[in-house]
Protein backbone atom coordinates (compact mmCIF):
# COMPACT_ATOMS: atom_id res chain seq x y z
CA MET A 1 -6.57 12.12 -4.64
CA THR A 2 -10.23 11.14 -4.50
CA ARG A 3 -11.38 8.16 -6.50
CA GLU A 4 -14.74 6.68 -7.40
CA CYS A 5 -15.83 3.17 -6.59
CA PRO A 6 -15.79 1.16 -9.83
CA ASP A 7 -18.96 -0.69 -8.73
CA CYS A 8 -21.33 2.01 -7.43
CA LYS A 9 -19.51 5.29 -8.25
CA ALA A 10 -19.51 6.56 -4.63
CA GLN A 11 -16.47 8.51 -3.42
CA LEU A 12 -13.85 6.24 -1.81
CA ARG A 13 -12.49 6.97 1.68
CA ASP A 14 -8.95 6.39 2.89
CA VAL A 15 -8.68 3.69 5.57
CA LYS A 16 -5.84 2.26 7.65
CA LEU A 17 -5.11 -1.45 7.69
CA ILE A 18 -4.83 -3.00 11.15
CA ASP A 19 -2.30 -5.73 11.90
CA ALA A 20 -4.01 -8.76 13.41
CA THR A 21 -1.09 -11.15 13.07
CA ALA A 22 0.21 -10.81 16.64
CA HIS A 23 -0.17 -14.04 18.60
CA ASP A 24 -0.53 -12.17 21.89
CA LEU A 25 -4.21 -11.51 22.68
CA LEU A 26 -3.33 -8.11 24.15
CA LEU A 27 -1.63 -6.94 20.94
CA GLU A 28 -3.81 -8.52 18.25
CA GLY A 29 -5.51 -5.82 16.18
CA CYS A 30 -3.85 -3.00 18.13
CA GLN A 31 -1.24 -1.90 15.62
CA HIS A 32 -1.63 0.09 12.42
CA VAL A 33 0.77 -1.13 9.75
CA ASP A 34 1.98 0.36 6.52
CA LEU A 35 1.97 -2.47 4.02
CA ALA A 36 4.71 -2.41 1.42
CA TYR A 37 5.35 -4.23 -1.84
CA ALA A 38 8.50 -5.60 -3.43
CA ALA A 39 9.67 -6.93 -6.77
CA PRO A 40 8.80 -10.63 -7.30
CA GLU A 41 12.49 -11.53 -7.48
CA ALA A 42 13.44 -9.60 -4.30
CA ASN A 43 15.42 -11.51 -1.68
CA ARG A 44 16.01 -10.85 1.99
CA SER A 45 19.10 -8.80 2.73
CA PHE A 46 21.94 -10.71 4.34
CA PHE A 47 22.55 -8.36 7.27
CA PHE A 48 19.06 -7.32 8.44
CA GLY A 49 16.96 -9.99 6.73
CA LYS A 50 14.56 -7.43 5.25
CA ILE A 51 13.11 -7.50 1.76
CA PRO A 52 13.72 -4.20 -0.06
CA ALA A 53 10.40 -2.44 -0.65
CA LEU A 54 9.56 -0.63 -3.87
CA GLY A 55 6.73 1.30 -2.27
CA ARG A 56 3.81 1.23 0.12
CA VAL A 57 0.21 0.07 -0.21
CA ARG A 58 -2.65 2.51 0.40
CA ALA A 59 -6.21 1.30 1.05
CA GLN A 60 -9.52 2.94 0.21
CA LEU A 61 -13.02 1.77 1.11
CA CYS A 62 -16.36 2.47 -0.51
CA PRO A 63 -18.84 3.59 2.18
CA GLU A 64 -21.80 2.49 0.02
CA CYS A 65 -21.00 -1.05 -1.12
CA GLY A 66 -18.02 -1.93 1.09
CA ARG A 67 -15.57 -2.64 -1.70
CA MET A 68 -11.95 -2.13 -0.60
CA LEU A 69 -9.29 -1.19 -3.10
CA LEU A 70 -5.52 -1.30 -2.65
CA TYR A 71 -3.19 1.04 -4.52
CA GLY A 72 0.59 0.90 -4.76
CA GLU A 73 2.55 4.12 -4.21
CA SER A 74 6.14 3.99 -5.39
CA SER A 75 8.74 5.19 -2.93
CA SER A 76 11.03 6.37 -5.73
CA PRO A 77 10.46 9.83 -7.22
CA LYS A 78 8.40 9.86 -10.39
CA GLN A 79 10.49 10.11 -13.52
CA ASP A 80 9.61 12.64 -16.22
CA PRO A 81 9.86 10.68 -19.54
CA GLU A 82 10.23 13.91 -21.53
CA ALA A 83 13.12 15.10 -19.35
CA GLU A 84 14.88 11.76 -19.83
CA SER A 85 14.53 11.96 -23.63
CA ARG A 86 15.91 15.53 -23.63
CA GLY A 87 18.81 14.66 -21.29
């Protein structure tokens, strides 16, 4: 889906976010990461210690003004409200 920049109306471009959190100089900035988001009340799982994600974050950049926008994409299938009301 193509979107317009809310500031200058140019077409946004998809970009990848680069992980620069590694403390090793050879790895810093070398890994692409898929950011995810979780519910505010989410807790780490007991066994693996991971926080359950609700979806991933997608980034887009405006080539004209440099504004970067982040969008959340749910990992659960979209629900059809009309189908639920009929069911």
